[in-house]
N, C-alpha and C. Protein backbone atom coordinates (compact mmCIF):
# COMPACT_ATOMS: atom_id res chain seq x y z
N MET A 1 1.67 2.33 14.26
CA MET A 1 0.79 3.28 13.94
C MET A 1 1.93 3.84 11.72
N ALA A 2 1.08 3.53 10.56
CA ALA A 2 1.77 3.62 9.18
C ALA A 2 2.01 5.06 9.27
N LYS A 3 2.89 5.15 8.49
CA LYS A 3 3.21 6.72 8.24
C LYS A 3 2.62 6.95 7.44
N GLN A 4 1.82 8.38 7.07
CA GLN A 4 0.55 9.19 6.40
C GLN A 4 1.42 9.57 5.00
N PRO A 5 0.75 9.68 3.85
CA PRO A 5 1.66 10.52 2.35
C PRO A 5 1.90 11.73 3.12
N ILE A 6 2.84 12.21 2.45
CA ILE A 6 3.53 13.31 2.84
C ILE A 6 2.37 14.94 2.27
N SER A 7 2.06 14.09 1.01
CA SER A 7 1.20 15.53 0.54
C SER A 7 0.18 14.61 -0.23
N ASP A 8 -0.74 14.89 -0.70
CA ASP A 8 -1.86 14.35 -2.05
C ASP A 8 -1.72 14.09 -3.50
N ALA A 9 -0.50 15.15 -3.62
CA ALA A 9 0.58 14.89 -4.85
C ALA A 9 1.13 14.05 -4.97
N ALA A 10 2.25 13.88 -3.49
CA ALA A 10 3.31 12.58 -3.76
C ALA A 10 2.01 11.51 -3.44
N GLN A 11 1.21 11.42 -3.20
CA GLN A 11 0.21 10.02 -2.70
C GLN A 11 -1.04 9.93 -4.52
N THR A 12 -0.67 10.77 -4.93
CA THR A 12 -0.86 10.38 -6.28
C THR A 12 0.32 9.34 -7.12
N PHE A 13 1.27 10.55 -7.25
CA PHE A 13 2.05 9.91 -7.85
C PHE A 13 2.34 8.76 -7.94
N GLY A 14 2.67 8.24 -5.96
CA GLY A 14 3.05 6.91 -6.07
C GLY A 14 1.62 5.80 -6.59
N ALA A 15 0.97 6.33 -6.43
CA ALA A 15 -0.41 5.27 -6.96
C ALA A 15 -0.22 5.24 -8.65
N ARG A 16 0.41 5.78 -9.01
CA ARG A 16 0.54 5.84 -10.52
C ARG A 16 1.85 4.96 -10.83
N VAL A 17 2.73 5.03 -9.42
CA VAL A 17 4.05 5.00 -10.18
C VAL A 17 3.13 2.43 -9.97
N ARG A 18 3.00 2.61 -9.03
CA ARG A 18 2.28 1.29 -9.15
C ARG A 18 1.34 1.05 -9.29
N THR A 19 0.43 1.30 -10.26
CA THR A 19 -1.15 0.95 -11.27
C THR A 19 0.11 0.33 -12.18
N ARG A 20 0.79 1.75 -12.73
CA ARG A 20 1.79 1.21 -13.64
C ARG A 20 2.65 -0.31 -13.89
N ARG A 21 3.57 -0.51 -12.50
CA ARG A 21 4.23 -0.95 -12.09
C ARG A 21 3.61 -2.23 -11.98
N ASN A 22 2.42 -2.56 -11.61
CA ASN A 22 1.06 -3.77 -11.89
C ASN A 22 0.49 -3.95 -13.13
N GLU A 23 0.76 -3.03 -14.24
CA GLU A 23 -0.14 -3.42 -15.20
C GLU A 23 1.23 -4.05 -15.79
N LEU A 24 2.49 -3.96 -15.33
CA LEU A 24 3.70 -4.29 -16.29
C LEU A 24 3.68 -5.50 -15.72
N GLY A 25 3.51 -5.80 -14.44
CA GLY A 25 3.68 -7.49 -13.68
C GLY A 25 4.87 -7.26 -13.25
N LYS A 26 5.97 -5.76 -13.01
CA LYS A 26 6.54 -6.00 -12.12
C LYS A 26 6.39 -6.27 -10.94
N SER A 27 7.33 -6.34 -9.72
CA SER A 27 7.69 -6.34 -8.72
C SER A 27 7.69 -5.49 -8.21
N GLN A 28 7.82 -4.60 -6.76
CA GLN A 28 8.39 -3.52 -6.57
C GLN A 28 10.10 -3.99 -6.84
N GLU A 29 10.78 -5.26 -6.01
CA GLU A 29 12.38 -5.61 -5.92
C GLU A 29 12.13 -5.41 -7.72
N ARG A 30 12.03 -5.78 -8.74
CA ARG A 30 12.61 -5.54 -10.22
C ARG A 30 12.23 -3.59 -10.59
N LEU A 31 10.99 -3.19 -10.13
CA LEU A 31 11.55 -2.23 -10.92
C LEU A 31 12.43 -1.27 -9.70
N ALA A 32 12.82 -1.36 -8.67
CA ALA A 32 13.94 -0.80 -8.29
C ALA A 32 15.61 -1.23 -8.51
N ASP A 33 15.87 -2.25 -8.88
CA ASP A 33 16.74 -2.93 -10.00
C ASP A 33 16.40 -2.42 -11.26
N ASP A 34 15.29 -2.01 -12.29
CA ASP A 34 15.55 -1.47 -13.24
C ASP A 34 15.36 -0.57 -13.23
N SER A 35 15.67 0.35 -12.56
CA SER A 35 16.02 2.23 -12.04
C SER A 35 16.78 2.87 -11.00
N GLY A 36 17.51 2.05 -10.75
CA GLY A 36 19.31 1.66 -10.04
C GLY A 36 18.57 2.23 -8.39
N MET A 37 17.10 1.55 -8.55
CA MET A 37 16.81 2.38 -6.28
C MET A 37 16.67 0.93 -6.11
N HIS A 38 16.77 1.78 -4.53
CA HIS A 38 16.85 0.39 -3.44
C HIS A 38 14.46 0.50 -3.30
N TRP A 39 14.62 -0.99 -3.31
CA TRP A 39 13.15 -1.37 -3.27
C TRP A 39 12.57 -0.53 -1.77
N THR A 40 12.49 -0.41 -1.24
CA THR A 40 12.34 0.11 0.06
C THR A 40 11.72 1.66 -0.09
N PHE A 41 12.92 2.33 -1.44
CA PHE A 41 12.80 3.45 -1.85
C PHE A 41 11.27 3.19 -2.44
N ILE A 42 11.37 2.27 -3.33
CA ILE A 42 10.37 2.10 -4.46
C ILE A 42 8.87 2.12 -3.35
N GLY A 43 8.45 1.54 -2.58
CA GLY A 43 7.97 1.68 -1.41
C GLY A 43 6.79 2.30 -1.25
N GLN A 44 8.16 3.32 -0.93
CA GLN A 44 8.02 4.74 0.08
C GLN A 44 7.44 5.81 -0.89
N VAL A 45 7.90 5.64 -1.93
CA VAL A 45 7.73 6.53 -3.67
C VAL A 45 5.50 5.65 -3.77
N GLU A 46 5.88 4.92 -3.47
CA GLU A 46 4.42 4.23 -4.64
C GLU A 46 3.43 4.60 -2.59
N ARG A 47 3.66 4.68 -1.03
CA ARG A 47 2.86 5.32 -0.52
C ARG A 47 2.79 6.72 -0.33
N GLY A 48 3.59 7.19 -1.20
CA GLY A 48 3.67 8.97 -0.72
C GLY A 48 4.57 9.68 -0.25
N GLN A 49 4.92 9.04 0.52
CA GLN A 49 6.45 9.23 2.20
C GLN A 49 7.77 9.74 1.06
N ARG A 50 7.91 9.81 -0.08
CA ARG A 50 8.59 10.65 -0.40
C ARG A 50 8.59 11.86 -1.22
N ASN A 51 9.43 12.41 -1.14
CA ASN A 51 9.37 13.91 -1.91
C ASN A 51 10.71 13.17 -3.19
N VAL A 52 9.86 12.96 -4.28
CA VAL A 52 10.87 12.19 -5.33
C VAL A 52 11.70 13.23 -6.05
N SER A 53 13.15 13.17 -6.55
CA SER A 53 13.64 13.81 -7.72
C SER A 53 13.34 14.63 -8.30
N LEU A 54 13.85 15.12 -9.10
CA LEU A 54 13.57 14.95 -10.78
C LEU A 54 14.47 14.08 -11.26
N HIS A 55 15.24 13.36 -11.02
CA HIS A 55 16.28 12.66 -11.58
C HIS A 55 15.82 11.12 -11.62
N ASN A 56 15.13 10.65 -9.81
CA ASN A 56 14.24 10.17 -9.77
C ASN A 56 13.29 9.42 -10.37
N ILE A 57 12.48 10.72 -10.68
CA ILE A 57 11.36 11.07 -11.42
C ILE A 57 11.47 10.18 -13.38
N LEU A 58 13.07 11.14 -12.89
CA LEU A 58 13.03 9.66 -14.83
C LEU A 58 13.42 8.76 -14.78
N LYS A 59 14.20 8.64 -13.56
CA LYS A 59 14.26 7.03 -14.12
C LYS A 59 13.27 6.17 -13.52
N ILE A 60 12.46 6.56 -13.25
CA ILE A 60 11.14 5.98 -12.23
C ILE A 60 10.83 5.74 -13.30
N ALA A 61 10.49 6.99 -14.84
CA ALA A 61 9.40 6.28 -15.43
C ALA A 61 10.14 5.37 -16.44
N GLU A 62 11.61 5.74 -15.99
CA GLU A 62 12.42 4.90 -17.87
C GLU A 62 12.11 3.29 -17.64
N ALA A 63 11.60 3.08 -16.20
CA ALA A 63 12.02 2.10 -16.08
C ALA A 63 10.82 1.00 -16.11
N LEU A 64 9.38 2.05 -15.48
CA LEU A 64 8.03 1.71 -15.99
C LEU A 64 7.55 1.80 -17.92
N GLY A 65 8.74 2.63 -18.65
CA GLY A 65 8.61 2.44 -20.37
C GLY A 65 7.40 3.55 -20.22
N ILE A 66 7.54 4.50 -18.93
CA ILE A 66 6.27 5.78 -19.37
C ILE A 66 6.26 7.07 -19.96
N ASP A 67 6.13 7.81 -20.31
CA ASP A 67 6.62 9.34 -20.23
C ASP A 67 6.61 9.57 -19.17
N PRO A 68 7.57 10.68 -17.55
CA PRO A 68 7.52 11.09 -16.82
C PRO A 68 5.93 11.70 -16.29
N GLY A 69 5.69 13.01 -18.06
CA GLY A 69 4.53 13.51 -18.06
C GLY A 69 3.35 13.06 -17.24
N GLU A 70 3.12 11.86 -17.58
CA GLU A 70 1.81 11.04 -17.26
C GLU A 70 2.15 10.70 -16.10
N LEU A 71 3.41 10.93 -15.31
CA LEU A 71 3.28 10.03 -13.82
C LEU A 71 2.71 11.62 -13.08
N MET A 72 3.14 12.31 -13.91
CA MET A 72 3.24 14.44 -13.03
C MET A 72 1.84 15.15 -13.15
N GLN A 73 1.65 14.83 -14.43
CA GLN A 73 0.43 15.18 -15.21
C GLN A 73 -0.63 15.59 -14.06
N GLY A 74 -1.50 17.44 -13.91
CA GLY A 74 -2.26 17.40 -12.26
C GLY A 74 -1.77 17.74 -11.75
N LEU A 75 -1.01 17.27 -11.17
CA LEU A 75 -0.24 17.30 -9.38
C LEU A 75 -0.19 18.76 -9.50
N LYS A 76 0.09 19.10 -8.56
CA LYS A 76 -0.05 20.45 -7.48
C LYS A 76 0.91 20.29 -6.20
N ALA A 77 1.87 21.13 -6.32
CA ALA A 77 2.30 21.08 -4.89
C ALA A 77 1.44 21.40 -3.74
N PRO A 78 2.07 21.18 -2.34
CA PRO A 78 1.08 21.49 -0.92
C PRO A 78 1.00 22.94 -1.41
N GLU A 79 0.17 23.66 -0.51
CA GLU A 79 0.38 25.31 -0.46
C GLU A 79 1.11 25.37 0.38
N ASP A 80 0.47 24.73 1.50
CA ASP A 80 1.93 25.09 2.77
C ASP A 80 2.89 24.44 2.74
N VAL A 81 3.70 23.91 1.96
CA VAL A 81 5.15 23.82 2.00
C VAL A 81 6.22 24.36 0.77
N GLY A 82 6.59 24.77 1.60
CA GLY A 82 7.30 25.65 0.85
C GLY A 82 9.13 25.86 0.73
N ASP A 83 9.83 26.32 0.00
CA ASP A 83 11.04 26.17 0.05
C ASP A 83 11.75 27.16 0.96
N SER A 84 12.91 26.33 1.90
CA SER A 84 13.13 27.15 3.27
C SER A 84 14.11 28.33 3.00
N ASN A 85 14.27 28.15 1.70
CA ASN A 85 14.77 29.60 1.04
C ASN A 85 14.72 30.58 1.52
N ASP A 86 12.90 30.18 0.95
CA ASP A 86 11.24 31.83 0.95
C ASP A 86 11.24 31.94 1.32
N ARG A 87 11.54 31.70 3.24
CA ARG A 87 11.51 32.30 4.43
C ARG A 87 12.68 33.33 4.60
N THR A 88 12.10 34.31 6.40
CA THR A 88 13.16 35.29 6.86
C THR A 88 13.42 34.52 7.78
N SER A 89 14.51 34.69 7.76
CA SER A 89 14.91 34.54 9.66
C SER A 89 14.74 35.49 10.66
N ALA A 90 14.54 35.63 11.60
CA ALA A 90 14.50 37.05 12.28
C ALA A 90 15.58 36.41 13.14
N SER A 91 16.50 36.38 12.47
CA SER A 91 17.90 36.69 13.50
C SER A 91 18.58 37.73 13.75
């Protein structure tokens, strides 16, 4: 069974990365080399299976020759995913 995207935002972000990569005629391996990442990580990003850090968003955008804002525009964080530091424990 294939792993599902972690959120709609991650899935949309990944689709934007894949679309731009294909527009440039780059393979996942080439994008990985250009961004200093591993090709399996790029594949997971494109499938929406990774929560990508700010620094990696910047690296991917640079390797794609695109403004990071174009990859992020209109995305919203899922409501059910919060920072564990925001929760209080009952200990």
